[in-house]
Amino acid sequence: MNPSIENNNKHMRAIVANLAKVIQGKEDKLELFVLGLVAGGHILIEDIPGVGKTTLARTLAKTIDGQFSRIQFTPDLLPSDITGINVYQPSTGEFIFKKGPIFSNIVLADEINRASARTQSALLEAMSDEHVTIDGKTLPLPRPFVVLATQNPVEYHGTYPLPEAQLDRFMLQVDLGYPPLEVEQSLAVNRTSQDPVDTIGTIISLETLNQLRAAVDHVKIENSVSQYLLQIVTATRRHANIRLGVSTRGTLLYARIARAHALLNGRDYVVPEDVKRLAIPVLSHRILLNNKAQYSGSASSHILEEILASVPVPR
């Protein structure tokens, strides 16, 4: 194995292992979070309350020695509560900018679909361009910058569905779910009042994370593998039960996280398994089903499984 590839692989595996000390029994899901982090994407977590979403975000921030902030989205939250505001100082006669919680490396947008569309849209510029504009002045966000947004299932009281434009800016949609029964039993018996995040240390620096992101750029995608990825994307645009298929932005994010998956597995090239493994978490929130499919009880993941089964895998 190339020494630099091996070193990157060790860093990524070490991050997964550190997260697993706090979020137990979910290693496959934790790998997705690390892939999103290294690929430079934002992650949407749709799940019920109380399964460790906030703890995971704090653990991730501590693992990379990053600044963490949590924004609790509520119906009365204003865009300026996220981005910050210019405050007049009578003593100097000047306005001083007070940064909002968006100016962090890991931002937990908790229950994002409880806020109004106007407030939700305050994240769009930040997620897409990694800067915010306040009173006509553009301010860069810290790098790396990752939004981990949680949303309650849409049937919960007081929720506002996220618009398609915002959903498309999330690289992944992940659900944590309940831990395995034996893990939950162990937690019930052994968990003390000590915060589990306090028991772990920092694994990599922000500088090393940025180096990992640069390494993703050098992972190769062979022509037949890129065609396989595009055939899956194209199939979502032509499927009879899909009203809106995957966007070009989705294609680019899909290819990038496939590169990160190759790096996680100690390769500097993408194989079809990388593409297949990531199809559902990367694409399921980017497609809109038509009314017939919705009324029949079809789910985006089921249709993507059909597509994966129908597209021939290159050798």
Protein backbone atom coordinates (compact mmCIF):
# COMPACT_ATOMS: atom_id res chain seq x y z
CA MET A 1 0.00 0.00 0.00
CA ASN A 2 1.19 3.50 -0.80
CA PRO A 3 2.49 5.01 2.52
CA SER A 4 0.42 8.18 2.15
CA ILE A 5 -2.71 6.14 1.37
CA GLU A 6 -2.02 3.90 4.35
CA ASN A 7 -1.55 6.93 6.59
CA ASN A 8 -4.83 8.49 5.44
CA ASN A 9 -6.59 5.16 5.95
CA LYS A 10 -5.27 4.95 9.53
CA HIS A 11 -6.44 8.48 10.31
CA MET A 12 -9.96 7.77 9.05
CA ARG A 13 -10.20 4.44 10.87
CA ALA A 14 -8.97 6.11 14.05
CA ILE A 15 -11.77 8.70 13.82
CA VAL A 16 -14.36 5.93 13.43
CA ALA A 17 -12.91 4.05 16.42
CA ASN A 18 -12.98 7.19 18.57
CA LEU A 19 -16.61 7.89 17.73
CA ALA A 20 -17.46 4.26 18.50
CA LYS A 21 -16.25 4.71 22.08
CA VAL A 22 -19.22 7.02 22.66
CA ILE A 23 -21.80 5.91 20.05
CA GLN A 24 -21.69 2.15 20.47
CA GLY A 25 -23.05 -0.52 18.14
CA LYS A 26 -23.31 1.84 15.15
CA GLU A 27 -19.95 1.47 13.39
CA ASP A 28 -21.50 1.25 9.91
CA LYS A 29 -23.36 4.54 10.47
CA LEU A 30 -20.29 6.18 12.00
CA GLU A 31 -18.33 5.37 8.86
CA LEU A 32 -20.84 7.44 6.89
CA PHE A 33 -20.30 10.42 9.18
CA VAL A 34 -16.53 10.16 8.75
CA LEU A 35 -16.94 9.91 4.97
CA GLY A 36 -19.07 13.05 4.94
CA LEU A 37 -16.54 14.84 7.14
CA VAL A 38 -13.57 13.90 4.94
CA ALA A 39 -15.43 14.48 1.68
CA GLY A 40 -16.40 17.98 2.83
CA GLY A 41 -20.16 17.45 2.91
CA HIS A 42 -23.02 18.25 5.24
CA ILE A 43 -25.12 15.53 6.85
CA LEU A 44 -28.85 15.34 7.54
CA ILE A 45 -29.97 13.05 10.36
CA GLU A 46 -33.65 12.15 10.37
CA ASP A 47 -34.50 10.27 13.52
CA ILE A 48 -36.56 10.24 16.66
CA PRO A 49 -35.36 12.22 19.70
CA GLY A 50 -33.00 10.66 22.20
CA VAL A 51 -30.82 8.35 20.11
CA GLY A 52 -27.54 10.25 20.49
CA LYS A 53 -27.53 12.81 17.66
CA THR A 54 -26.27 15.70 19.79
CA THR A 55 -23.72 13.51 21.53
CA LEU A 56 -22.42 12.34 18.17
CA ALA A 57 -21.96 15.91 16.93
CA ARG A 58 -20.05 16.89 20.09
CA THR A 59 -17.91 13.76 19.84
CA LEU A 60 -17.07 14.53 16.23
CA ALA A 61 -16.01 18.08 17.09
CA LYS A 62 -13.78 16.92 19.93
CA THR A 63 -12.25 14.18 17.77
CA ILE A 64 -10.99 16.73 15.23
CA ASP A 65 -10.23 19.43 17.82
CA GLY A 66 -12.83 21.67 16.20
CA GLN A 67 -15.09 24.40 17.53
CA PHE A 68 -18.63 23.16 18.16
CA SER A 69 -21.90 25.06 18.34
CA ARG A 70 -25.49 23.95 18.64
CA ILE A 71 -28.46 25.85 17.24
CA GLN A 72 -31.87 24.83 18.53
CA PHE A 73 -34.30 25.56 15.70
CA THR A 74 -37.69 26.82 16.85
CA PRO A 75 -40.56 28.58 15.06
CA ASP A 76 -39.46 31.98 16.43
CA LEU A 77 -35.76 31.63 15.48
CA LEU A 78 -34.54 34.44 13.21
CA PRO A 79 -31.83 34.28 10.51
CA SER A 80 -29.72 36.76 12.51
CA ASP A 81 -29.80 34.33 15.45
CA ILE A 82 -27.78 31.99 13.22
CA THR A 83 -25.46 34.29 11.29
CA GLY A 84 -24.92 37.10 13.79
CA ILE A 85 -25.75 40.77 13.88
CA ASN A 86 -24.15 44.24 13.83
CA VAL A 87 -24.53 45.87 17.24
CA TYR A 88 -24.23 49.63 17.68
CA GLN A 89 -21.70 50.79 20.28
CA PRO A 90 -22.73 54.22 21.67
CA SER A 91 -19.29 54.78 23.19
CA THR A 92 -17.54 54.68 19.80
CA GLY A 93 -20.43 55.44 17.45
CA GLU A 94 -19.57 52.30 15.45
CA PHE A 95 -21.23 49.02 14.70
CA ILE A 96 -19.49 45.87 15.97
CA PHE A 97 -20.31 42.52 14.41
CA LYS A 98 -21.25 39.82 16.90
CA LYS A 99 -20.71 36.43 15.30
CA GLY A 100 -23.53 33.93 15.40
CA PRO A 101 -23.15 30.20 16.14
CA ILE A 102 -22.69 29.47 12.42
CA PHE A 103 -19.03 30.50 12.84
CA SER A 104 -17.87 27.07 14.04
CA ASN A 105 -16.26 23.98 12.54
CA ILE A 106 -19.08 21.61 13.52
CA VAL A 107 -22.54 23.18 13.65
CA LEU A 108 -25.41 21.12 14.99
CA ALA A 109 -28.66 22.47 13.50
CA ASP A 110 -30.99 20.69 15.89
CA GLU A 111 -34.54 19.98 14.75
CA ILE A 112 -34.01 22.11 11.65
CA ASN A 113 -37.51 21.43 10.35
CA ARG A 114 -39.13 23.15 13.34
CA ALA A 115 -38.03 26.57 12.04
CA SER A 116 -39.72 28.58 9.31
CA ALA A 117 -38.55 28.42 5.70
CA ARG A 118 -37.02 31.90 6.02
CA THR A 119 -34.79 30.79 8.87
CA GLN A 120 -33.94 27.48 7.21
CA SER A 121 -32.78 29.39 4.14
CA ALA A 122 -30.22 31.27 6.26
CA LEU A 123 -28.14 28.11 6.12
CA LEU A 124 -28.21 27.81 2.31
CA GLU A 125 -25.43 30.30 1.53
CA ALA A 126 -23.29 28.99 4.38
CA MET A 127 -23.66 25.35 3.33
CA SER A 128 -23.06 26.03 -0.35
CA ASP A 129 -20.36 28.72 -0.33
CA GLU A 130 -18.87 28.52 3.20
CA HIS A 131 -19.48 32.19 3.84
CA VAL A 132 -22.31 34.43 5.00
CA THR A 133 -23.33 37.92 3.94
CA ILE A 134 -24.28 40.41 6.65
CA ASP A 135 -25.45 43.89 5.62
CA GLY A 136 -23.78 43.50 2.24
CA LYS A 137 -20.45 42.31 3.69
CA THR A 138 -19.27 38.76 2.96
CA LEU A 139 -17.58 36.95 5.82
CA PRO A 140 -15.79 33.58 5.45
CA LEU A 141 -16.64 30.69 7.74
CA PRO A 142 -13.96 28.63 9.49
CA ARG A 143 -12.56 25.63 7.64
CA PRO A 144 -13.45 22.90 7.83
CA PHE A 145 -17.14 23.80 8.13
CA VAL A 146 -19.68 21.01 8.53
CA VAL A 147 -23.41 21.23 9.27
CA LEU A 148 -24.96 18.26 11.03
CA ALA A 149 -28.70 18.90 10.85
CA THR A 150 -31.27 16.82 12.66
CA GLN A 151 -34.91 16.69 11.74
CA ASN A 152 -37.87 14.95 13.27
CA PRO A 153 -39.97 12.72 11.01
CA VAL A 154 -42.36 14.94 9.07
CA GLU A 155 -45.45 13.52 10.71
CA TYR A 156 -44.35 14.97 14.08
CA HIS A 157 -46.28 17.97 15.33
CA GLY A 158 -44.90 21.42 14.46
CA THR A 159 -42.56 20.49 11.63
CA TYR A 160 -41.94 22.23 8.30
CA PRO A 161 -40.67 20.06 5.42
CA LEU A 162 -37.26 21.14 4.14
CA PRO A 163 -37.37 22.55 0.58
CA GLU A 164 -35.73 20.54 -2.19
CA ALA A 165 -33.02 23.19 -2.68
CA GLN A 166 -31.88 22.77 0.90
CA LEU A 167 -32.13 18.99 0.95
CA ASP A 168 -29.89 18.88 -2.11
CA ARG A 169 -27.09 20.62 -0.20
CA PHE A 170 -26.75 17.72 2.21
CA MET A 171 -24.26 15.15 1.01
CA LEU A 172 -25.80 12.38 3.12
CA GLN A 173 -28.98 11.51 4.92
CA VAL A 174 -28.41 9.11 7.80
CA ASP A 175 -30.61 7.64 10.49
CA LEU A 176 -28.97 6.40 13.70
CA GLY A 177 -31.84 4.34 15.03
CA TYR A 178 -31.86 2.44 18.31
CA PRO A 179 -28.68 0.66 19.39
CA PRO A 180 -28.62 -3.15 19.44
CA LEU A 181 -30.40 -4.57 22.50
CA GLU A 182 -27.23 -5.87 24.14
CA VAL A 183 -25.54 -2.47 23.71
CA GLU A 184 -28.53 -0.63 25.18
CA GLN A 185 -28.56 -3.06 28.12
CA SER A 186 -24.85 -2.42 28.72
CA LEU A 187 -25.45 1.33 28.61
CA ALA A 188 -28.30 1.04 31.12
CA VAL A 189 -26.10 -0.94 33.52
CA ASN A 190 -22.76 0.81 33.12
CA ARG A 191 -23.46 4.44 32.12
CA THR A 192 -22.71 6.88 34.93
CA SER A 193 -23.46 10.59 35.31
CA GLN A 194 -20.13 11.40 33.64
CA ASP A 195 -20.48 12.84 30.16
CA PRO A 196 -19.14 10.15 27.78
CA VAL A 197 -17.65 12.85 25.52
CA ASP A 198 -15.30 13.77 28.40
CA THR A 199 -13.77 10.28 28.25
CA ILE A 200 -12.33 10.62 24.74
CA GLY A 201 -9.49 12.66 23.33
CA THR A 202 -8.61 14.44 20.11
CA ILE A 203 -7.50 12.13 17.28
CA ILE A 204 -6.50 14.51 14.50
CA SER A 205 -6.03 18.25 14.10
CA LEU A 206 -8.02 20.49 11.81
CA GLU A 207 -4.92 20.77 9.63
CA THR A 208 -4.76 16.98 9.24
CA LEU A 209 -8.46 16.89 8.36
CA ASN A 210 -7.88 19.47 5.63
CA GLN A 211 -5.02 17.30 4.35
CA LEU A 212 -7.37 14.30 4.24
CA ARG A 213 -9.83 16.37 2.22
CA ALA A 214 -7.05 17.28 -0.21
CA ALA A 215 -6.13 13.59 -0.52
CA VAL A 216 -9.69 12.79 -1.66
CA ASP A 217 -9.05 14.93 -4.75
CA HIS A 218 -6.31 12.56 -5.88
CA VAL A 219 -8.39 9.36 -5.73
CA LYS A 220 -9.05 8.16 -9.29
CA ILE A 221 -12.35 7.09 -10.84
CA GLU A 222 -11.86 4.83 -13.84
CA ASN A 223 -14.08 5.44 -16.87
CA SER A 224 -16.26 2.34 -16.48
CA VAL A 225 -16.86 3.14 -12.79
CA SER A 226 -17.83 6.74 -13.54
CA GLN A 227 -20.22 5.47 -16.22
CA TYR A 228 -21.74 3.10 -13.66
CA LEU A 229 -22.29 6.00 -11.26
CA LEU A 230 -23.90 8.09 -14.02
CA GLN A 231 -26.15 5.22 -15.09
CA ILE A 232 -27.52 5.04 -11.54
CA VAL A 233 -28.08 8.81 -11.47
CA THR A 234 -29.70 8.81 -14.92
CA ALA A 235 -32.01 5.98 -13.91
CA THR A 236 -33.43 8.17 -11.13
CA ARG A 237 -34.36 10.78 -13.76
CA ARG A 238 -36.17 8.26 -15.95
CA HIS A 239 -37.88 6.03 -13.40
CA ALA A 240 -41.66 5.90 -13.78
CA ASN A 241 -42.26 6.47 -10.05
CA ILE A 242 -39.84 9.38 -9.62
CA ARG A 243 -41.05 12.93 -10.25
CA LEU A 244 -37.66 14.59 -9.69
CA GLY A 245 -34.35 12.77 -10.09
CA VAL A 246 -30.84 13.44 -8.81
CA SER A 247 -29.39 16.85 -9.66
CA THR A 248 -25.94 17.55 -11.11
CA ARG A 249 -24.87 18.74 -7.67
CA GLY A 250 -25.93 15.36 -6.36
CA THR A 251 -23.82 13.62 -9.02
CA LEU A 252 -20.73 15.59 -8.02
CA LEU A 253 -21.22 14.91 -4.32
CA TYR A 254 -21.85 11.23 -5.07
CA ALA A 255 -18.55 10.96 -6.95
CA ARG A 256 -16.64 12.80 -4.23
CA ILE A 257 -17.86 10.67 -1.35
CA ALA A 258 -17.16 7.53 -3.40
CA ARG A 259 -13.54 8.74 -3.52
CA ALA A 260 -13.58 9.19 0.26
CA HIS A 261 -14.96 5.65 0.66
CA ALA A 262 -12.06 4.32 -1.41
CA LEU A 263 -9.64 6.19 0.87
CA LEU A 264 -11.33 4.70 3.95
CA ASN A 265 -10.66 1.26 2.47
CA GLY A 266 -7.01 1.96 1.70
CA ARG A 267 -7.29 2.55 -2.05
CA ASP A 268 -6.44 5.45 -4.34
CA TYR A 269 -9.05 4.36 -6.89
CA VAL A 270 -12.82 3.89 -6.78
CA VAL A 271 -14.43 0.49 -7.39
CA PRO A 272 -18.12 -0.23 -8.17
CA GLU A 273 -18.70 -1.37 -4.58
CA ASP A 274 -17.90 2.16 -3.35
CA VAL A 275 -20.58 3.54 -5.64
CA LYS A 276 -23.14 0.88 -4.74
CA ARG A 277 -22.55 1.12 -0.98
CA LEU A 278 -23.28 4.86 -0.91
CA ALA A 279 -26.23 5.06 -3.30
CA ILE A 280 -29.04 5.08 -0.72
CA PRO A 281 -27.57 7.48 1.89
CA VAL A 282 -26.41 9.90 -0.85
CA LEU A 283 -29.38 9.77 -3.22
CA SER A 284 -32.52 8.89 -1.26
CA HIS A 285 -33.22 12.45 -0.05
CA ARG A 286 -32.58 13.90 -3.54
CA ILE A 287 -35.43 12.16 -5.36
CA LEU A 288 -39.12 13.02 -5.21
CA LEU A 289 -41.64 10.27 -5.75
CA ASN A 290 -44.79 10.92 -7.75
CA ASN A 291 -48.22 10.74 -6.13
CA LYS A 292 -48.88 7.20 -7.31
CA ALA A 293 -45.71 5.90 -5.67
CA GLN A 294 -46.38 7.82 -2.46
CA TYR A 295 -49.94 6.56 -2.15
CA SER A 296 -48.83 2.99 -2.77
CA GLY A 297 -46.42 3.22 0.16
CA SER A 298 -43.20 3.12 -1.84
CA ALA A 299 -40.06 4.55 -0.27
CA SER A 300 -37.12 6.23 -1.98
CA SER A 301 -34.77 3.56 -0.64
CA HIS A 302 -36.85 0.75 -2.16
CA ILE A 303 -36.81 2.38 -5.58
CA LEU A 304 -33.07 2.95 -5.37
CA GLU A 305 -32.63 -0.73 -4.53
CA GLU A 306 -34.60 -1.57 -7.69
CA ILE A 307 -32.34 0.74 -9.71
CA LEU A 308 -29.18 -0.78 -8.24
CA ALA A 309 -30.45 -4.25 -9.10
CA SER A 310 -31.22 -3.21 -12.69
CA VAL A 311 -27.98 -1.36 -13.56
CA PRO A 312 -25.22 -3.77 -14.60
CA VAL A 313 -22.10 -3.61 -12.44
CA PRO A 314 -18.88 -3.19 -14.44
CA ARG A 315 -16.14 -5.78 -14.01
